[in-house]
Amino acid sequence: MAAAAGRGTVLNPSNAQFAVALLIAAGAGTAVFFHAERHHIKHPSAWASFVFLLLIVGLPAYLIHVRRLKRRGPL
């Protein structure tokens, strides 16, 4: 079956869908970087890159990491 006109599929996203996904990933990566910098978490640029490249895995991993650090004591 052909996709409806103007709508991308999972394997063939439209330019607008790609741009939105890119902006969401970039925003999440930027937020993680600034959060890590502010709270003195090691390797903020590595965490930001991980979140940007693999958002679905990186953001939950970062949140779990931060939660574990909070339980250990002051950051």
PDB file of N, CA and C in Angstrom:
ATOM      1  N   MET A   1       0.824  -1.189   0.000  1.00  0.00           N
ATOM      2  CA  MET A   1       0.000   0.000   0.000  1.00  0.00           C
ATOM      3  C   MET A   1       0.868   1.253   0.000  1.00  0.00           C
ATOM      4  N   ALA A   2       0.476   2.189  -0.746  1.00  0.00           N
ATOM      5  CA  ALA A   2       1.216   3.451  -0.805  1.00  0.00           C
ATOM      6  C   ALA A   2       0.779   4.351   0.351  1.00  0.00           C
ATOM      7  N   ALA A   3       1.721   5.103   0.868  1.00  0.00           N
ATOM      8  CA  ALA A   3       1.410   6.046   1.945  1.00  0.00           C
ATOM      9  C   ALA A   3       0.596   7.197   1.372  1.00  0.00           C
ATOM     10  N   ALA A   4      -0.218   7.789   2.219  1.00  0.00           N
ATOM     11  CA  ALA A   4      -1.025   8.928   1.787  1.00  0.00           C
ATOM     12  C   ALA A   4      -0.109  10.076   1.376  1.00  0.00           C
ATOM     13  N   ALA A   5      -0.555  10.870   0.448  1.00  0.00           N
ATOM     14  CA  ALA A   5       0.245  11.985  -0.051  1.00  0.00           C
ATOM     15  C   ALA A   5       0.573  12.946   1.091  1.00  0.00           C
ATOM     16  N   GLY A   6       1.853  13.322   1.188  1.00  0.00           N
ATOM     17  CA  GLY A   6       2.259  14.284   2.200  1.00  0.00           C
ATOM     18  C   GLY A   6       2.574  13.677   3.551  1.00  0.00           C
ATOM     19  N   ARG A   7       2.407  12.368   3.672  1.00  0.00           N
ATOM     20  CA  ARG A   7       2.686  11.716   4.951  1.00  0.00           C
ATOM     21  C   ARG A   7       3.855  10.764   4.781  1.00  0.00           C
ATOM     22  N   GLY A   8       4.824  10.856   5.664  1.00  0.00           N
ATOM     23  CA  GLY A   8       5.968   9.958   5.623  1.00  0.00           C
ATOM     24  C   GLY A   8       5.680   8.697   6.422  1.00  0.00           C
ATOM     25  N   THR A   9       6.443   7.686   6.170  1.00  0.00           N
ATOM     26  CA  THR A   9       6.347   6.461   6.953  1.00  0.00           C
ATOM     27  C   THR A   9       7.524   6.422   7.908  1.00  0.00           C
ATOM     28  N   VAL A  10       7.574   5.371   8.703  1.00  0.00           N
ATOM     29  CA  VAL A  10       8.674   5.258   9.660  1.00  0.00           C
ATOM     30  C   VAL A  10      10.010   5.191   8.929  1.00  0.00           C
ATOM     31  N   LEU A  11      10.054   4.477   7.841  1.00  0.00           N
ATOM     32  CA  LEU A  11      11.301   4.334   7.101  1.00  0.00           C
ATOM     33  C   LEU A  11      11.521   5.447   6.089  1.00  0.00           C
ATOM     34  N   ASN A  12      10.515   6.264   5.860  1.00  0.00           N
ATOM     35  CA  ASN A  12      10.629   7.337   4.881  1.00  0.00           C
ATOM     36  C   ASN A  12       9.943   8.591   5.421  1.00  0.00           C
ATOM     37  N   PRO A  13      10.556   9.242   6.439  1.00  0.00           N
ATOM     38  CA  PRO A  13       9.914  10.424   7.020  1.00  0.00           C
ATOM     39  C   PRO A  13       9.973  11.616   6.066  1.00  0.00           C
ATOM     40  N   SER A  14       9.005  12.496   6.195  1.00  0.00           N
ATOM     41  CA  SER A  14       9.027  13.725   5.398  1.00  0.00           C
ATOM     42  C   SER A  14      10.109  14.655   5.963  1.00  0.00           C
ATOM     43  N   ASN A  15      10.427  15.678   5.218  1.00  0.00           N
ATOM     44  CA  ASN A  15      11.432  16.645   5.678  1.00  0.00           C
ATOM     45  C   ASN A  15      10.992  17.330   6.971  1.00  0.00           C
ATOM     46  N   ALA A  16       9.715  17.643   7.072  1.00  0.00           N
ATOM     47  CA  ALA A  16       9.200  18.303   8.273  1.00  0.00           C
ATOM     48  C   ALA A  16       9.290  17.370   9.486  1.00  0.00           C
ATOM     49  N   GLN A  17       8.969  16.101   9.306  1.00  0.00           N
ATOM     50  CA  GLN A  17       9.059  15.143  10.405  1.00  0.00           C
ATOM     51  C   GLN A  17      10.508  14.986  10.866  1.00  0.00           C
ATOM     52  N   PHE A  18      11.419  14.927   9.914  1.00  0.00           N
ATOM     53  CA  PHE A  18      12.833  14.819  10.253  1.00  0.00           C
ATOM     54  C   PHE A  18      13.297  16.056  11.019  1.00  0.00           C
ATOM     55  N   ALA A  19      12.886  17.220  10.591  1.00  0.00           N
ATOM     56  CA  ALA A  19      13.281  18.465  11.257  1.00  0.00           C
ATOM     57  C   ALA A  19      12.751  18.517  12.688  1.00  0.00           C
ATOM     58  N   VAL A  20      11.506  18.093  12.881  1.00  0.00           N
ATOM     59  CA  VAL A  20      10.922  18.084  14.230  1.00  0.00           C
ATOM     60  C   VAL A  20      11.680  17.111  15.121  1.00  0.00           C
ATOM     61  N   ALA A  21      11.975  15.918  14.619  1.00  0.00           N
ATOM     62  CA  ALA A  21      12.721  14.934  15.400  1.00  0.00           C
ATOM     63  C   ALA A  21      14.115  15.455  15.749  1.00  0.00           C
ATOM     64  N   LEU A  22      14.760  16.107  14.801  1.00  0.00           N
ATOM     65  CA  LEU A  22      16.081  16.670  15.031  1.00  0.00           C
ATOM     66  C   LEU A  22      16.033  17.765  16.101  1.00  0.00           C
ATOM     67  N   LEU A  23      15.032  18.623  16.043  1.00  0.00           N
ATOM     68  CA  LEU A  23      14.893  19.692  17.041  1.00  0.00           C
ATOM     69  C   LEU A  23      14.616  19.138  18.437  1.00  0.00           C
ATOM     70  N   ILE A  24      13.796  18.101  18.515  1.00  0.00           N
ATOM     71  CA  ILE A  24      13.504  17.486  19.813  1.00  0.00           C
ATOM     72  C   ILE A  24      14.770  16.867  20.398  1.00  0.00           C
ATOM     73  N   ALA A  25      15.506  16.122  19.584  1.00  0.00           N
ATOM     74  CA  ALA A  25      16.742  15.494  20.058  1.00  0.00           C
ATOM     75  C   ALA A  25      17.781  16.544  20.446  1.00  0.00           C
ATOM     76  N   ALA A  26      17.905  17.598  19.652  1.00  0.00           N
ATOM     77  CA  ALA A  26      18.863  18.661  19.957  1.00  0.00           C
ATOM     78  C   ALA A  26      18.476  19.390  21.241  1.00  0.00           C
ATOM     79  N   GLY A  27      17.193  19.651  21.417  1.00  0.00           N
ATOM     80  CA  GLY A  27      16.727  20.310  22.639  1.00  0.00           C
ATOM     81  C   GLY A  27      16.970  19.457  23.873  1.00  0.00           C
ATOM     82  N   ALA A  28      16.703  18.161  23.772  1.00  0.00           N
ATOM     83  CA  ALA A  28      16.930  17.261  24.901  1.00  0.00           C
ATOM     84  C   ALA A  28      18.421  17.173  25.219  1.00  0.00           C
ATOM     85  N   GLY A  29      19.250  17.066  24.195  1.00  0.00           N
ATOM     86  CA  GLY A  29      20.699  17.008  24.413  1.00  0.00           C
ATOM     87  C   GLY A  29      21.232  18.280  25.053  1.00  0.00           C
ATOM     88  N   THR A  30      20.744  19.406  24.602  1.00  0.00           N
ATOM     89  CA  THR A  30      21.153  20.687  25.179  1.00  0.00           C
ATOM     90  C   THR A  30      20.723  20.807  26.634  1.00  0.00           C
ATOM     91  N   ALA A  31      19.492  20.401  26.918  1.00  0.00           N
ATOM     92  CA  ALA A  31      18.995  20.450  28.296  1.00  0.00           C
ATOM     93  C   ALA A  31      19.819  19.542  29.207  1.00  0.00           C
ATOM     94  N   VAL A  32      20.165  18.365  28.718  1.00  0.00           N
ATOM     95  CA  VAL A  32      20.988  17.442  29.509  1.00  0.00           C
ATOM     96  C   VAL A  32      22.363  18.049  29.763  1.00  0.00           C
ATOM     97  N   PHE A  33      22.948  18.661  28.745  1.00  0.00           N
ATOM     98  CA  PHE A  33      24.266  19.280  28.923  1.00  0.00           C
ATOM     99  C   PHE A  33      24.229  20.346  30.011  1.00  0.00           C
ATOM    100  N   PHE A  34      23.259  21.259  29.932  1.00  0.00           N
ATOM    101  CA  PHE A  34      23.200  22.334  30.922  1.00  0.00           C
ATOM    102  C   PHE A  34      22.864  21.807  32.311  1.00  0.00           C
ATOM    103  N   HIS A  35      22.027  20.792  32.392  1.00  0.00           N
ATOM    104  CA  HIS A  35      21.712  20.192  33.688  1.00  0.00           C
ATOM    105  C   HIS A  35      22.956  19.542  34.289  1.00  0.00           C
ATOM    106  N   ALA A  36      23.685  18.792  33.477  1.00  0.00           N
ATOM    107  CA  ALA A  36      24.898  18.122  33.956  1.00  0.00           C
ATOM    108  C   ALA A  36      25.958  19.135  34.380  1.00  0.00           C
ATOM    109  N   GLU A  37      26.106  20.202  33.624  1.00  0.00           N
ATOM    110  CA  GLU A  37      27.069  21.253  33.984  1.00  0.00           C
ATOM    111  C   GLU A  37      26.687  21.897  35.318  1.00  0.00           C
ATOM    112  N   ARG A  38      25.427  22.234  35.462  1.00  0.00           N
ATOM    113  CA  ARG A  38      24.955  22.919  36.659  1.00  0.00           C
ATOM    114  C   ARG A  38      25.117  22.054  37.908  1.00  0.00           C
ATOM    115  N   HIS A  39      24.941  20.752  37.758  1.00  0.00           N
ATOM    116  CA  HIS A  39      24.979  19.842  38.904  1.00  0.00           C
ATOM    117  C   HIS A  39      26.302  19.092  39.017  1.00  0.00           C
ATOM    118  N   HIS A  40      27.301  19.524  38.258  1.00  0.00           N
ATOM    119  CA  HIS A  40      28.658  18.969  38.323  1.00  0.00           C
ATOM    120  C   HIS A  40      28.683  17.460  38.109  1.00  0.00           C
ATOM    121  N   ILE A  41      27.928  16.997  37.120  1.00  0.00           N
ATOM    122  CA  ILE A  41      27.937  15.592  36.749  1.00  0.00           C
ATOM    123  C   ILE A  41      29.058  15.407  35.731  1.00  0.00           C
ATOM    124  N   LYS A  42      29.855  14.351  35.916  1.00  0.00           N
ATOM    125  CA  LYS A  42      31.004  14.122  35.047  1.00  0.00           C
ATOM    126  C   LYS A  42      30.582  13.905  33.599  1.00  0.00           C
ATOM    127  N   HIS A  43      31.395  14.396  32.697  1.00  0.00           N
ATOM    128  CA  HIS A  43      31.257  14.216  31.243  1.00  0.00           C
ATOM    129  C   HIS A  43      29.924  14.736  30.678  1.00  0.00           C
ATOM    130  N   PRO A  44      29.608  16.009  30.892  1.00  0.00           N
ATOM    131  CA  PRO A  44      28.327  16.523  30.392  1.00  0.00           C
ATOM    132  C   PRO A  44      28.197  16.472  28.869  1.00  0.00           C
ATOM    133  N   SER A  45      29.292  16.696  28.159  1.00  0.00           N
ATOM    134  CA  SER A  45      29.192  16.652  26.693  1.00  0.00           C
ATOM    135  C   SER A  45      28.968  15.232  26.195  1.00  0.00           C
ATOM    136  N   ALA A  46      29.517  14.242  26.881  1.00  0.00           N
ATOM    137  CA  ALA A  46      29.274  12.844  26.499  1.00  0.00           C
ATOM    138  C   ALA A  46      27.814  12.476  26.744  1.00  0.00           C
ATOM    139  N   TRP A  47      27.275  12.903  27.873  1.00  0.00           N
ATOM    140  CA  TRP A  47      25.857  12.626  28.147  1.00  0.00           C
ATOM    141  C   TRP A  47      24.966  13.325  27.124  1.00  0.00           C
ATOM    142  N   ALA A  48      25.299  14.569  26.794  1.00  0.00           N
ATOM    143  CA  ALA A  48      24.500  15.307  25.814  1.00  0.00           C
ATOM    144  C   ALA A  48      24.547  14.637  24.443  1.00  0.00           C
ATOM    145  N   SER A  49      25.718  14.187  24.048  1.00  0.00           N
ATOM    146  CA  SER A  49      25.845  13.497  22.754  1.00  0.00           C
ATOM    147  C   SER A  49      25.070  12.194  22.748  1.00  0.00           C
ATOM    148  N   PHE A  50      25.155  11.448  23.834  1.00  0.00           N
ATOM    149  CA  PHE A  50      24.428  10.187  23.957  1.00  0.00           C
ATOM    150  C   PHE A  50      22.924  10.419  23.845  1.00  0.00           C
ATOM    151  N   VAL A  51      22.427  11.425  24.533  1.00  0.00           N
ATOM    152  CA  VAL A  51      20.996  11.733  24.476  1.00  0.00           C
ATOM    153  C   VAL A  51      20.603  12.195  23.076  1.00  0.00           C
ATOM    154  N   PHE A  52      21.412  13.024  22.450  1.00  0.00           N
ATOM    155  CA  PHE A  52      21.097  13.504  21.106  1.00  0.00           C
ATOM    156  C   PHE A  52      21.051  12.357  20.099  1.00  0.00           C
ATOM    157  N   LEU A  53      22.036  11.483  20.135  1.00  0.00           N
ATOM    158  CA  LEU A  53      22.128  10.418  19.139  1.00  0.00           C
ATOM    159  C   LEU A  53      21.140   9.282  19.381  1.00  0.00           C
ATOM    160  N   LEU A  54      20.917   8.937  20.640  1.00  0.00           N
ATOM    161  CA  LEU A  54      20.033   7.818  20.975  1.00  0.00           C
ATOM    162  C   LEU A  54      19.045   8.257  22.055  1.00  0.00           C
ATOM    163  N   LEU A  55      18.151   9.137  21.689  1.00  0.00           N
ATOM    164  CA  LEU A  55      17.237   9.762  22.645  1.00  0.00           C
ATOM    165  C   LEU A  55      16.448   8.742  23.457  1.00  0.00           C
ATOM    166  N   ILE A  56      15.936   7.729  22.814  1.00  0.00           N
ATOM    167  CA  ILE A  56      15.061   6.773  23.490  1.00  0.00           C
ATOM    168  C   ILE A  56      15.805   5.948  24.541  1.00  0.00           C
ATOM    169  N   VAL A  57      17.109   5.809  24.393  1.00  0.00           N
ATOM    170  CA  VAL A  57      17.929   5.076  25.361  1.00  0.00           C
ATOM    171  C   VAL A  57      18.685   6.049  26.260  1.00  0.00           C
ATOM    172  N   GLY A  58      19.214   7.115  25.679  1.00  0.00           N
ATOM    173  CA  GLY A  58      20.081   8.033  26.400  1.00  0.00           C
ATOM    174  C   GLY A  58      19.399   8.838  27.484  1.00  0.00           C
ATOM    175  N   LEU A  59      18.206   9.345  27.223  1.00  0.00           N
ATOM    176  CA  LEU A  59      17.532  10.171  28.228  1.00  0.00           C
ATOM    177  C   LEU A  59      17.143   9.364  29.463  1.00  0.00           C
ATOM    178  N   PRO A  60      16.531   8.178  29.314  1.00  0.00           N
ATOM    179  CA  PRO A  60      16.268   7.383  30.521  1.00  0.00           C
ATOM    180  C   PRO A  60      17.558   6.981  31.254  1.00  0.00           C
ATOM    181  N   ALA A  61      18.616   6.666  30.506  1.00  0.00           N
ATOM    182  CA  ALA A  61      19.887   6.306  31.144  1.00  0.00           C
ATOM    183  C   ALA A  61      20.436   7.481  31.949  1.00  0.00           C
ATOM    184  N   TYR A  62      20.350   8.688  31.400  1.00  0.00           N
ATOM    185  CA  TYR A  62      20.818   9.870  32.120  1.00  0.00           C
ATOM    186  C   TYR A  62      19.984  10.109  33.378  1.00  0.00           C
ATOM    187  N   LEU A  63      18.682   9.979  33.266  1.00  0.00           N
ATOM    188  CA  LEU A  63      17.818  10.195  34.431  1.00  0.00           C
ATOM    189  C   LEU A  63      18.096   9.176  35.525  1.00  0.00           C
ATOM    190  N   ILE A  64      18.332   7.932  35.156  1.00  0.00           N
ATOM    191  CA  ILE A  64      18.670   6.901  36.143  1.00  0.00           C
ATOM    192  C   ILE A  64      20.023   7.224  36.779  1.00  0.00           C
ATOM    193  N   HIS A  65      20.977   7.654  35.980  1.00  0.00           N
ATOM    194  CA  HIS A  65      22.298   8.016  36.494  1.00  0.00           C
ATOM    195  C   HIS A  65      22.194   9.164  37.509  1.00  0.00           C
ATOM    196  N   VAL A  66      21.438  10.176  37.183  1.00  0.00           N
ATOM    197  CA  VAL A  66      21.271  11.323  38.079  1.00  0.00           C
ATOM    198  C   VAL A  66      20.578  10.893  39.367  1.00  0.00           C
ATOM    199  N   ARG A  67      19.582  10.052  39.249  1.00  0.00           N
ATOM    200  CA  ARG A  67      18.862   9.584  40.439  1.00  0.00           C
ATOM    201  C   ARG A  67      19.782   8.795  41.368  1.00  0.00           C
ATOM    202  N   ARG A  68      20.631   7.966  40.782  1.00  0.00           N
ATOM    203  CA  ARG A  68      21.584   7.198  41.599  1.00  0.00           C
ATOM    204  C   ARG A  68      22.581   8.124  42.286  1.00  0.00           C
ATOM    205  N   LEU A  69      23.040   9.159  41.594  1.00  0.00           N
ATOM    206  CA  LEU A  69      23.970  10.102  42.200  1.00  0.00           C
ATOM    207  C   LEU A  69      23.306  10.847  43.353  1.00  0.00           C
ATOM    208  N   LYS A  70      22.041  11.202  43.208  1.00  0.00           N
ATOM    209  CA  LYS A  70      21.329  11.911  44.272  1.00  0.00           C
ATOM    210  C   LYS A  70      21.209  11.046  45.517  1.00  0.00           C
ATOM    211  N   ARG A  71      20.979   9.763  45.333  1.00  0.00           N
ATOM    212  CA  ARG A  71      20.834   8.858  46.482  1.00  0.00           C
ATOM    213  C   ARG A  71      22.135   8.699  47.238  1.00  0.00           C
ATOM    214  N   ARG A  72      23.280   8.816  46.530  1.00  0.00           N
ATOM    215  CA  ARG A  72      24.584   8.655  47.181  1.00  0.00           C
ATOM    216  C   ARG A  72      24.947   9.843  48.037  1.00  0.00           C
ATOM    217  N   GLY A  73      24.451  10.982  47.718  1.00  0.00           N
ATOM    218  CA  GLY A  73      24.792  12.177  48.491  1.00  0.00           C
ATOM    219  C   GLY A  73      24.764  13.403  47.626  1.00  0.00           C
ATOM    220  N   PRO A  74      25.265  14.503  48.124  1.00  0.00           N
ATOM    221  CA  PRO A  74      25.259  15.749  47.342  1.00  0.00           C
ATOM    222  C   PRO A  74      26.091  15.609  46.084  1.00  0.00           C
ATOM    223  N   LEU A  75      25.588  16.252  45.013  1.00  0.00           N
ATOM    224  CA  LEU A  75      26.304  16.193  43.732  1.00  0.00           C
ATOM    225  C   LEU A  75      27.456  17.141  43.715  1.00  0.00           C
TER     226      LEU A  75
END
